[in-house]
Amino acid sequence: MTNLKIHGSAPLGFEGSLDLDGGLAELRGDCARMVPHWPASARIAPHPVSPSLIHGVTVPPTSARLLDAMSDYGD
């Protein structure tokens, strides 16, 4: 479990109180304010692949063991 104890004061420029149980509207507002800080990369459209070129999926042994150890996938 995460320890949510706060030590010290809020950083400079912090406006408002620390509400750890904020709702979806608050989260959406936070994300909207952060949008200018996250520039979107150019969208790259995938080229279609002929089904005759798809022969299966190869999984490295280490990845297969990792998934096998996970109860959601291995049981």
N, C-alpha and C. Protein backbone atom coordinates (compact mmCIF):
# COMPACT_ATOMS: atom_id res chain seq x y z
N MET A 1 0.83 -1.17 0.00
CA MET A 1 0.00 0.00 0.00
C MET A 1 0.88 1.24 0.00
N THR A 2 0.45 2.28 -0.65
CA THR A 2 1.22 3.51 -0.76
C THR A 2 1.07 4.35 0.49
N ASN A 3 2.18 4.90 0.95
CA ASN A 3 2.17 5.79 2.09
C ASN A 3 1.88 7.20 1.58
N LEU A 4 0.73 7.76 1.93
CA LEU A 4 0.32 9.06 1.41
C LEU A 4 0.58 10.20 2.39
N LYS A 5 1.45 10.00 3.36
CA LYS A 5 1.78 11.07 4.30
C LYS A 5 2.59 12.13 3.56
N ILE A 6 2.26 13.40 3.79
CA ILE A 6 2.93 14.51 3.15
C ILE A 6 3.82 15.20 4.17
N HIS A 7 5.08 15.40 3.82
CA HIS A 7 6.02 16.09 4.69
C HIS A 7 6.41 17.40 4.03
N GLY A 8 6.36 18.49 4.76
CA GLY A 8 6.74 19.78 4.20
C GLY A 8 5.56 20.50 3.59
N SER A 9 5.86 21.57 2.89
CA SER A 9 4.80 22.38 2.30
C SER A 9 4.67 22.08 0.81
N ALA A 10 3.61 22.61 0.23
CA ALA A 10 3.37 22.43 -1.20
C ALA A 10 4.40 23.21 -1.99
N PRO A 11 4.71 22.77 -3.21
CA PRO A 11 5.69 23.50 -4.02
C PRO A 11 5.17 24.90 -4.38
N LEU A 12 6.10 25.80 -4.72
CA LEU A 12 5.72 27.15 -5.10
C LEU A 12 4.81 27.12 -6.30
N GLY A 13 3.82 27.97 -6.31
CA GLY A 13 2.90 28.04 -7.44
C GLY A 13 1.75 27.06 -7.33
N PHE A 14 1.73 26.24 -6.27
CA PHE A 14 0.64 25.28 -6.09
C PHE A 14 -0.57 26.02 -5.59
N GLU A 15 -1.66 25.91 -6.34
CA GLU A 15 -2.88 26.59 -5.94
C GLU A 15 -3.92 25.55 -5.57
N GLY A 16 -4.59 25.76 -4.49
CA GLY A 16 -5.63 24.84 -4.07
C GLY A 16 -5.12 23.87 -3.02
N SER A 17 -6.01 23.03 -2.56
CA SER A 17 -5.64 22.07 -1.54
C SER A 17 -5.28 20.74 -2.19
N LEU A 18 -4.63 19.91 -1.42
CA LEU A 18 -4.25 18.59 -1.90
C LEU A 18 -5.43 17.65 -1.67
N ASP A 19 -6.11 17.29 -2.75
CA ASP A 19 -7.27 16.40 -2.66
C ASP A 19 -6.91 15.09 -3.33
N LEU A 20 -6.65 14.06 -2.52
CA LEU A 20 -6.24 12.78 -3.06
C LEU A 20 -7.41 11.98 -3.62
N ASP A 21 -8.63 12.39 -3.32
CA ASP A 21 -9.80 11.68 -3.81
C ASP A 21 -10.53 12.51 -4.86
N GLY A 22 -9.79 13.20 -5.73
CA GLY A 22 -10.40 14.02 -6.78
C GLY A 22 -11.20 13.15 -7.73
N GLY A 23 -12.19 13.74 -8.34
CA GLY A 23 -13.05 12.99 -9.23
C GLY A 23 -12.55 13.01 -10.66
N LEU A 24 -13.35 12.42 -11.54
CA LEU A 24 -13.01 12.33 -12.95
C LEU A 24 -12.92 13.71 -13.58
N ALA A 25 -13.79 14.63 -13.19
CA ALA A 25 -13.76 15.98 -13.76
C ALA A 25 -12.44 16.67 -13.43
N GLU A 26 -11.95 16.48 -12.21
CA GLU A 26 -10.67 17.07 -11.82
C GLU A 26 -9.52 16.45 -12.61
N LEU A 27 -9.56 15.15 -12.79
CA LEU A 27 -8.53 14.46 -13.56
C LEU A 27 -8.52 14.95 -15.01
N ARG A 28 -9.71 15.08 -15.60
CA ARG A 28 -9.79 15.57 -16.98
C ARG A 28 -9.26 16.99 -17.09
N GLY A 29 -9.54 17.82 -16.09
CA GLY A 29 -9.01 19.18 -16.09
C GLY A 29 -7.49 19.20 -16.00
N ASP A 30 -6.95 18.34 -15.13
CA ASP A 30 -5.49 18.25 -15.00
C ASP A 30 -4.86 17.83 -16.33
N CYS A 31 -5.46 16.85 -16.98
CA CYS A 31 -4.93 16.38 -18.26
C CYS A 31 -5.02 17.47 -19.32
N ALA A 32 -6.13 18.21 -19.35
CA ALA A 32 -6.29 19.29 -20.33
C ALA A 32 -5.23 20.36 -20.14
N ARG A 33 -4.86 20.64 -18.89
CA ARG A 33 -3.81 21.63 -18.64
C ARG A 33 -2.43 21.11 -19.05
N MET A 34 -2.23 19.80 -19.06
CA MET A 34 -0.93 19.23 -19.41
C MET A 34 -0.75 19.03 -20.91
N VAL A 35 -1.83 19.09 -21.69
CA VAL A 35 -1.76 18.83 -23.13
C VAL A 35 -0.66 19.63 -23.83
N PRO A 36 -0.50 20.93 -23.56
CA PRO A 36 0.56 21.67 -24.27
C PRO A 36 1.97 21.15 -23.98
N HIS A 37 2.14 20.44 -22.88
CA HIS A 37 3.46 19.92 -22.52
C HIS A 37 3.79 18.61 -23.22
N TRP A 38 2.81 17.95 -23.84
CA TRP A 38 3.00 16.66 -24.48
C TRP A 38 2.71 16.77 -25.96
N PRO A 39 3.69 17.15 -26.77
CA PRO A 39 3.42 17.25 -28.20
C PRO A 39 3.17 15.87 -28.80
N ALA A 40 2.22 15.82 -29.71
CA ALA A 40 1.88 14.55 -30.37
C ALA A 40 2.84 14.32 -31.53
N SER A 41 3.26 13.10 -31.69
CA SER A 41 4.11 12.75 -32.83
C SER A 41 3.23 12.60 -34.07
N ALA A 42 3.87 12.65 -35.22
CA ALA A 42 3.13 12.50 -36.47
C ALA A 42 2.53 11.10 -36.54
N ARG A 43 1.30 11.03 -36.99
CA ARG A 43 0.62 9.74 -37.09
C ARG A 43 1.15 8.99 -38.30
N ILE A 44 1.54 7.76 -38.08
CA ILE A 44 2.06 6.92 -39.14
C ILE A 44 1.04 5.83 -39.43
N ALA A 45 0.55 5.81 -40.65
CA ALA A 45 -0.44 4.80 -41.04
C ALA A 45 0.29 3.50 -41.41
N PRO A 46 -0.13 2.37 -40.85
CA PRO A 46 0.53 1.11 -41.20
C PRO A 46 0.17 0.70 -42.63
N HIS A 47 1.12 0.06 -43.28
CA HIS A 47 0.88 -0.45 -44.62
C HIS A 47 0.17 -1.79 -44.51
N PRO A 48 -0.79 -2.06 -45.39
CA PRO A 48 -1.48 -3.35 -45.34
C PRO A 48 -0.51 -4.50 -45.66
N VAL A 49 -0.69 -5.61 -44.98
CA VAL A 49 0.14 -6.79 -45.18
C VAL A 49 -0.74 -7.90 -45.73
N SER A 50 -0.25 -8.56 -46.74
CA SER A 50 -0.97 -9.67 -47.33
C SER A 50 -1.07 -10.81 -46.31
N PRO A 51 -2.25 -11.43 -46.16
CA PRO A 51 -2.37 -12.56 -45.22
C PRO A 51 -1.41 -13.71 -45.53
N SER A 52 -1.00 -13.85 -46.77
CA SER A 52 -0.08 -14.94 -47.11
C SER A 52 1.31 -14.72 -46.51
N LEU A 53 1.62 -13.49 -46.11
CA LEU A 53 2.92 -13.20 -45.50
C LEU A 53 2.92 -13.39 -43.98
N ILE A 54 1.74 -13.58 -43.40
CA ILE A 54 1.65 -13.76 -41.95
C ILE A 54 1.66 -15.26 -41.66
N HIS A 55 2.71 -15.71 -40.98
CA HIS A 55 2.87 -17.14 -40.72
C HIS A 55 2.76 -17.52 -39.26
N GLY A 56 2.58 -16.57 -38.40
CA GLY A 56 2.48 -16.87 -36.97
C GLY A 56 3.24 -15.87 -36.15
N VAL A 57 3.26 -16.10 -34.88
CA VAL A 57 3.91 -15.20 -33.94
C VAL A 57 5.04 -15.95 -33.26
N THR A 58 6.19 -15.33 -33.17
CA THR A 58 7.33 -15.92 -32.48
C THR A 58 7.52 -15.18 -31.17
N VAL A 59 7.53 -15.92 -30.07
CA VAL A 59 7.69 -15.34 -28.74
C VAL A 59 9.01 -15.82 -28.17
N PRO A 60 9.87 -14.91 -27.74
CA PRO A 60 11.13 -15.33 -27.12
C PRO A 60 10.86 -16.19 -25.88
N PRO A 61 11.70 -17.18 -25.62
CA PRO A 61 11.49 -18.07 -24.46
C PRO A 61 11.36 -17.33 -23.13
N THR A 62 12.12 -16.25 -22.94
CA THR A 62 12.03 -15.52 -21.67
C THR A 62 10.66 -14.88 -21.52
N SER A 63 10.10 -14.35 -22.60
CA SER A 63 8.76 -13.75 -22.53
C SER A 63 7.70 -14.81 -22.29
N ALA A 64 7.87 -15.97 -22.91
CA ALA A 64 6.91 -17.06 -22.73
C ALA A 64 6.91 -17.53 -21.26
N ARG A 65 8.10 -17.63 -20.65
CA ARG A 65 8.19 -18.03 -19.24
C ARG A 65 7.56 -16.98 -18.35
N LEU A 66 7.75 -15.71 -18.69
CA LEU A 66 7.17 -14.64 -17.89
C LEU A 66 5.65 -14.72 -17.93
N LEU A 67 5.08 -14.90 -19.10
CA LEU A 67 3.62 -15.00 -19.22
C LEU A 67 3.10 -16.28 -18.57
N ASP A 68 3.86 -17.35 -18.66
CA ASP A 68 3.45 -18.61 -18.05
C ASP A 68 3.40 -18.49 -16.52
N ALA A 69 4.26 -17.63 -15.97
CA ALA A 69 4.30 -17.44 -14.52
C ALA A 69 3.16 -16.55 -14.03
N MET A 70 2.53 -15.81 -14.91
CA MET A 70 1.43 -14.92 -14.52
C MET A 70 0.14 -15.73 -14.45
N SER A 71 -0.58 -15.60 -13.35
CA SER A 71 -1.76 -16.44 -13.17
C SER A 71 -2.84 -16.15 -14.21
N ASP A 72 -2.93 -14.92 -14.69
CA ASP A 72 -3.96 -14.60 -15.68
C ASP A 72 -3.73 -15.33 -17.00
N TYR A 73 -2.49 -15.63 -17.34
CA TYR A 73 -2.17 -16.23 -18.62
C TYR A 73 -1.76 -17.70 -18.51
N GLY A 74 -1.14 -18.07 -17.42
CA GLY A 74 -0.57 -19.42 -17.32
C GLY A 74 -1.51 -20.48 -16.80
N ASP A 75 -2.60 -20.09 -16.16
CA ASP A 75 -3.50 -21.09 -15.58
C ASP A 75 -4.57 -21.52 -16.55
